[in-house]
C-alpha atoms as a PDB file:
ATOM      1  CA  MET A   1      55.691 -57.155   2.646  1.00  0.00           C
ATOM      2  CA  SER A   2      52.107 -56.075   2.765  1.00  0.00           C
ATOM      3  CA  ILE A   3      50.858 -52.840   4.257  1.00  0.00           C
ATOM      4  CA  VAL A   4      47.968 -53.190   6.702  1.00  0.00           C
ATOM      5  CA  ILE A   5      46.012 -50.564   8.594  1.00  0.00           C
ATOM      6  CA  ARG A   6      44.269 -51.786  11.719  1.00  0.00           C
ATOM      7  CA  GLU A   7      42.073 -49.978  14.169  1.00  0.00           C
ATOM      8  CA  ALA A   8      43.710 -49.216  17.495  1.00  0.00           C
ATOM      9  CA  GLY A   9      42.213 -50.360  20.770  1.00  0.00           C
ATOM     10  CA  LEU A  10      42.884 -49.153  24.295  1.00  0.00           C
ATOM     11  CA  ASP A  11      45.373 -51.995  24.740  1.00  0.00           C
ATOM     12  CA  ASP A  12      47.460 -50.347  21.979  1.00  0.00           C
ATOM     13  CA  ALA A  13      48.012 -47.136  23.968  1.00  0.00           C
ATOM     14  CA  LEU A  14      51.586 -47.968  24.985  1.00  0.00           C
ATOM     15  CA  LEU A  15      52.481 -49.007  21.431  1.00  0.00           C
ATOM     16  CA  ILE A  16      51.001 -45.800  19.978  1.00  0.00           C
ATOM     17  CA  ALA A  17      52.804 -43.619  22.520  1.00  0.00           C
ATOM     18  CA  GLU A  18      56.093 -45.333  21.639  1.00  0.00           C
ATOM     19  CA  LEU A  19      55.430 -45.092  17.881  1.00  0.00           C
ATOM     20  CA  THR A  20      54.613 -41.397  18.194  1.00  0.00           C
ATOM     21  CA  ARG A  21      57.770 -40.582  20.134  1.00  0.00           C
ATOM     22  CA  ALA A  22      59.936 -42.636  17.774  1.00  0.00           C
ATOM     23  CA  ALA A  23      58.309 -41.267  14.602  1.00  0.00           C
ATOM     24  CA  TRP A  24      58.723 -37.668  15.751  1.00  0.00           C
ATOM     25  CA  SER A  25      62.313 -38.115  16.922  1.00  0.00           C
ATOM     26  CA  GLY A  26      64.694 -36.214  14.675  1.00  0.00           C
ATOM     27  CA  LYS A  27      61.793 -35.087  12.475  1.00  0.00           C
ATOM     28  CA  VAL A  28      59.782 -32.668  14.579  1.00  0.00           C
ATOM     29  CA  ALA A  29      61.147 -29.807  16.673  1.00  0.00           C
ATOM     30  CA  PRO A  30      62.283 -30.955  20.135  1.00  0.00           C
ATOM     31  CA  THR A  31      59.782 -28.585  21.771  1.00  0.00           C
ATOM     32  CA  SER A  32      56.845 -30.571  20.403  1.00  0.00           C
ATOM     33  CA  SER A  33      54.670 -32.280  22.992  1.00  0.00           C
ATOM     34  CA  GLY A  34      54.692 -35.388  20.783  1.00  0.00           C
ATOM     35  CA  HIS A  35      58.170 -36.154  22.087  1.00  0.00           C
ATOM     36  CA  HIS A  36      56.605 -36.583  25.544  1.00  0.00           C
ATOM     37  CA  GLU A  37      53.603 -38.639  24.448  1.00  0.00           C
ATOM     38  CA  THR A  38      52.039 -40.527  27.322  1.00  0.00           C
ATOM     39  CA  VAL A  39      49.906 -43.627  27.504  1.00  0.00           C
ATOM     40  CA  GLU A  40      47.291 -41.596  29.391  1.00  0.00           C
ATOM     41  CA  ARG A  41      47.032 -39.054  26.562  1.00  0.00           C
ATOM     42  CA  VAL A  42      46.709 -41.834  23.989  1.00  0.00           C
ATOM     43  CA  VAL A  43      43.976 -43.540  26.026  1.00  0.00           C
ATOM     44  CA  ARG A  44      42.026 -40.252  26.243  1.00  0.00           C
ATOM     45  CA  ASP A  45      42.351 -39.736  22.493  1.00  0.00           C
ATOM     46  CA  LEU A  46      41.226 -43.285  21.711  1.00  0.00           C
ATOM     47  CA  GLN A  47      38.269 -43.072  24.104  1.00  0.00           C
ATOM     48  CA  HIS A  48      37.158 -39.745  22.684  1.00  0.00           C
ATOM     49  CA  GLY A  49      37.880 -40.528  19.034  1.00  0.00           C
ATOM     50  CA  GLY A  50      39.968 -43.320  17.586  1.00  0.00           C
ATOM     51  CA  GLY A  51      43.182 -44.339  15.938  1.00  0.00           C
ATOM     52  CA  PHE A  52      44.849 -46.552  13.407  1.00  0.00           C
ATOM     53  CA  ILE A  53      48.121 -48.428  13.445  1.00  0.00           C
ATOM     54  CA  LEU A  54      50.125 -48.909  10.254  1.00  0.00           C
ATOM     55  CA  LEU A  55      51.833 -52.278   9.888  1.00  0.00           C
ATOM     56  CA  LYS A  56      54.339 -53.461   7.339  1.00  0.00           C
ATOM     57  CA  GLY A  57      53.995 -57.198   7.498  1.00  0.00           C
ATOM     58  CA  GLU A  58      53.596 -57.822  11.223  1.00  0.00           C
ATOM     59  CA  GLN A  59      55.689 -54.814  12.310  1.00  0.00           C
ATOM     60  CA  PRO A  60      53.937 -51.682  13.623  1.00  0.00           C
ATOM     61  CA  ILE A  61      55.572 -48.736  11.837  1.00  0.00           C
ATOM     62  CA  GLY A  62      53.203 -45.799  12.282  1.00  0.00           C
ATOM     63  CA  SER A  63      49.997 -44.481  13.758  1.00  0.00           C
ATOM     64  CA  VAL A  64      47.426 -41.707  13.625  1.00  0.00           C
ATOM     65  CA  ARG A  65      44.589 -40.541  15.867  1.00  0.00           C
ATOM     66  CA  TRP A  66      41.475 -38.463  15.465  1.00  0.00           C
ATOM     67  CA  ALA A  67      38.925 -36.941  17.774  1.00  0.00           C
ATOM     68  CA  PRO A  68      35.707 -34.995  17.327  1.00  0.00           C
ATOM     69  CA  LEU A  69      36.018 -31.289  17.933  1.00  0.00           C
ATOM     70  CA  GLU A  70      34.704 -30.428  21.376  1.00  0.00           C
ATOM     71  CA  GLY A  71      31.151 -29.203  20.948  1.00  0.00           C
ATOM     72  CA  ASP A  72      30.909 -30.341  17.307  1.00  0.00           C
ATOM     73  CA  PRO A  73      30.960 -34.117  16.737  1.00  0.00           C
ATOM     74  CA  ASP A  74      30.610 -33.580  12.975  1.00  0.00           C
ATOM     75  CA  VAL A  75      34.142 -32.143  12.806  1.00  0.00           C
ATOM     76  CA  TRP A  76      37.121 -34.413  13.466  1.00  0.00           C
ATOM     77  CA  GLU A  77      40.680 -33.315  14.118  1.00  0.00           C
ATOM     78  CA  ILE A  78      43.445 -35.579  12.859  1.00  0.00           C
ATOM     79  CA  MET A  79      46.363 -35.769  15.299  1.00  0.00           C
ATOM     80  CA  ARG A  80      49.798 -37.260  15.831  1.00  0.00           C
ATOM     81  CA  MET A  81      50.278 -38.945  12.461  1.00  0.00           C
ATOM     82  CA  GLY A  82      53.741 -40.410  12.065  1.00  0.00           C
ATOM     83  CA  VAL A  83      55.817 -43.178  10.512  1.00  0.00           C
ATOM     84  CA  LEU A  84      59.040 -44.584  11.940  1.00  0.00           C
ATOM     85  CA  PRO A  85      62.229 -43.117  10.430  1.00  0.00           C
ATOM     86  CA  ALA A  86      63.333 -46.396   8.811  1.00  0.00           C
ATOM     87  CA  PHE A  87      60.151 -46.416   6.701  1.00  0.00           C
ATOM     88  CA  ARG A  88      60.024 -42.796   5.562  1.00  0.00           C
ATOM     89  CA  GLY A  89      60.184 -41.959   1.900  1.00  0.00           C
ATOM     90  CA  GLU A  90      57.790 -44.751   0.963  1.00  0.00           C
ATOM     91  CA  HIS A  91      54.664 -42.535   1.154  1.00  0.00           C
ATOM     92  CA  LEU A  92      53.232 -44.773   3.864  1.00  0.00           C
ATOM     93  CA  SER A  93      51.630 -41.986   5.900  1.00  0.00           C
ATOM     94  CA  GLN A  94      49.192 -41.578   3.038  1.00  0.00           C
ATOM     95  CA  HIS A  95      47.654 -44.931   4.015  1.00  0.00           C
ATOM     96  CA  LEU A  96      46.956 -43.539   7.492  1.00  0.00           C
ATOM     97  CA  LEU A  97      45.444 -40.337   6.108  1.00  0.00           C
ATOM     98  CA  GLU A  98      43.242 -42.254   3.674  1.00  0.00           C
ATOM     99  CA  ALA A  99      42.050 -44.562   6.467  1.00  0.00           C
ATOM    100  CA  VAL A 100      40.908 -41.603   8.573  1.00  0.00           C
ATOM    101  CA  ILE A 101      39.187 -40.006   5.576  1.00  0.00           C
ATOM    102  CA  HIS A 102      37.301 -43.233   4.835  1.00  0.00           C
ATOM    103  CA  ARG A 103      36.326 -43.710   8.487  1.00  0.00           C
ATOM    104  CA  ALA A 104      35.041 -40.127   8.651  1.00  0.00           C
ATOM    105  CA  GLN A 105      33.030 -40.603   5.467  1.00  0.00           C
ATOM    106  CA  ALA A 106      31.516 -43.816   6.846  1.00  0.00           C
ATOM    107  CA  ALA A 107      30.575 -41.936  10.046  1.00  0.00           C
ATOM    108  CA  ASP A 108      28.926 -39.108   8.031  1.00  0.00           C
ATOM    109  CA  VAL A 109      31.358 -36.560   9.454  1.00  0.00           C
ATOM    110  CA  ASP A 110      31.063 -33.158   7.762  1.00  0.00           C
ATOM    111  CA  GLU A 111      34.639 -31.951   8.068  1.00  0.00           C
ATOM    112  CA  LEU A 112      38.181 -33.071   8.830  1.00  0.00           C
ATOM    113  CA  ARG A 113      40.841 -30.746  10.190  1.00  0.00           C
ATOM    114  CA  LEU A 114      44.540 -31.102  10.746  1.00  0.00           C
ATOM    115  CA  ALA A 115      47.376 -28.841  11.734  1.00  0.00           C
ATOM    116  CA  VAL A 116      50.736 -28.490  10.053  1.00  0.00           C
ATOM    117  CA  ARG A 117      53.557 -27.367  12.285  1.00  0.00           C
ATOM    118  CA  ALA A 118      55.534 -24.332  11.137  1.00  0.00           C
ATOM    119  CA  ASP A 119      58.632 -26.548  10.814  1.00  0.00           C
ATOM    120  CA  GLN A 120      56.767 -29.073   8.619  1.00  0.00           C
ATOM    121  CA  ALA A 121      55.439 -26.736   5.896  1.00  0.00           C
ATOM    122  CA  ARG A 122      56.381 -29.226   3.164  1.00  0.00           C
ATOM    123  CA  LEU A 123      53.360 -31.279   4.273  1.00  0.00           C
ATOM    124  CA  LEU A 124      50.933 -28.604   3.060  1.00  0.00           C
ATOM    125  CA  ASP A 125      51.172 -29.901  -0.520  1.00  0.00           C
ATOM    126  CA  LEU A 126      50.631 -33.503   0.566  1.00  0.00           C
ATOM    127  CA  TYR A 127      47.451 -32.625   2.422  1.00  0.00           C
ATOM    128  CA  ALA A 128      46.270 -30.370  -0.396  1.00  0.00           C
ATOM    129  CA  ALA A 129      46.537 -33.370  -2.738  1.00  0.00           C
ATOM    130  CA  TYR A 130      43.964 -35.078  -0.491  1.00  0.00           C
ATOM    131  CA  GLY A 131      41.516 -32.190  -0.712  1.00  0.00           C
ATOM    132  CA  PHE A 132      42.549 -30.263   2.395  1.00  0.00           C
ATOM    133  CA  GLU A 133      42.484 -26.486   2.063  1.00  0.00           C
ATOM    134  CA  LEU A 134      44.135 -23.777   4.113  1.00  0.00           C
ATOM    135  CA  ALA A 135      41.825 -22.451   6.831  1.00  0.00           C
ATOM    136  CA  PRO A 136      43.616 -19.459   8.380  1.00  0.00           C
ATOM    137  CA  GLU A 137      40.444 -18.461  10.236  1.00  0.00           C
ATOM    138  CA  LEU A 138      40.610 -21.625  12.360  1.00  0.00           C
ATOM    139  CA  GLU A 139      42.715 -22.394  15.413  1.00  0.00           C
ATOM    140  CA  TYR A 140      43.951 -25.875  16.189  1.00  0.00           C
ATOM    141  CA  THR A 141      42.605 -26.928  19.574  1.00  0.00           C
ATOM    142  CA  HIS A 142      45.641 -29.070  20.417  1.00  0.00           C
ATOM    143  CA  ALA A 143      48.237 -26.423  19.561  1.00  0.00           C
ATOM    144  CA  ASN A 144      51.239 -26.141  21.847  1.00  0.00           C
ATOM    145  CA  PRO A 145      51.137 -22.587  23.264  1.00  0.00           C
ATOM    146  CA  SER A 146      54.937 -22.488  23.566  1.00  0.00           C
ATOM    147  CA  GLU A 147      55.409 -22.924  19.794  1.00  0.00           C
ATOM    148  CA  PRO A 148      54.457 -20.956  16.691  1.00  0.00           C
ATOM    149  CA  ALA A 149      50.830 -21.513  15.749  1.00  0.00           C
ATOM    150  CA  PRO A 150      50.390 -24.311  13.225  1.00  0.00           C
ATOM    151  CA  THR A 151      48.679 -23.883   9.874  1.00  0.00           C
ATOM    152  CA  VAL A 152      45.198 -25.373  10.027  1.00  0.00           C
ATOM    153  CA  MET A 153      43.789 -27.161   7.009  1.00  0.00           C
ATOM    154  CA  ARG A 154      40.304 -28.527   6.487  1.00  0.00           C
ATOM    155  CA  ARG A 155      38.565 -30.905   4.158  1.00  0.00           C
ATOM    156  CA  MET A 156      34.833 -30.635   3.766  1.00  0.00           C
ATOM    157  CA  LEU A 157      33.363 -34.075   3.214  1.00  0.00           C
ATOM    158  CA  GLY A 158      29.994 -32.752   2.007  1.00  0.00           C
ATOM    159  CA  TYR A 159      27.293 -35.322   1.702  1.00  0.00           C
END
């Protein structure tokens, strides 16, 4: 089956909310707000930034969103990336990450940021392989205040 990345529209909000909850189930700590993803939150994210849906054949199996940092449209935060449990281990999330990187480059964005949850530290190496560097001086604007602060990483796109 072929892997396809397609841009998400507002009519995909329910699908993305369901994909996020399902992708995070059993993978991310139960206290994460991603387990309570709402259509309204997804709509806000898509209106403010954008998103992609990952398909294997015709089946939606993952998604990711991004949004410009409030007050700095040249910095995008990558949020809520996830792949359904049945499709893990195939390195498919990399397609989502690459799609956001390419979209940011096409939009002349200066910097991408993402946050790695304390319970997902193994992802630091994956993101580092894509040019993201640790940025301990930065705070993630979407951090859940009831959880340990995530590790923020950044990738300068430099034009």
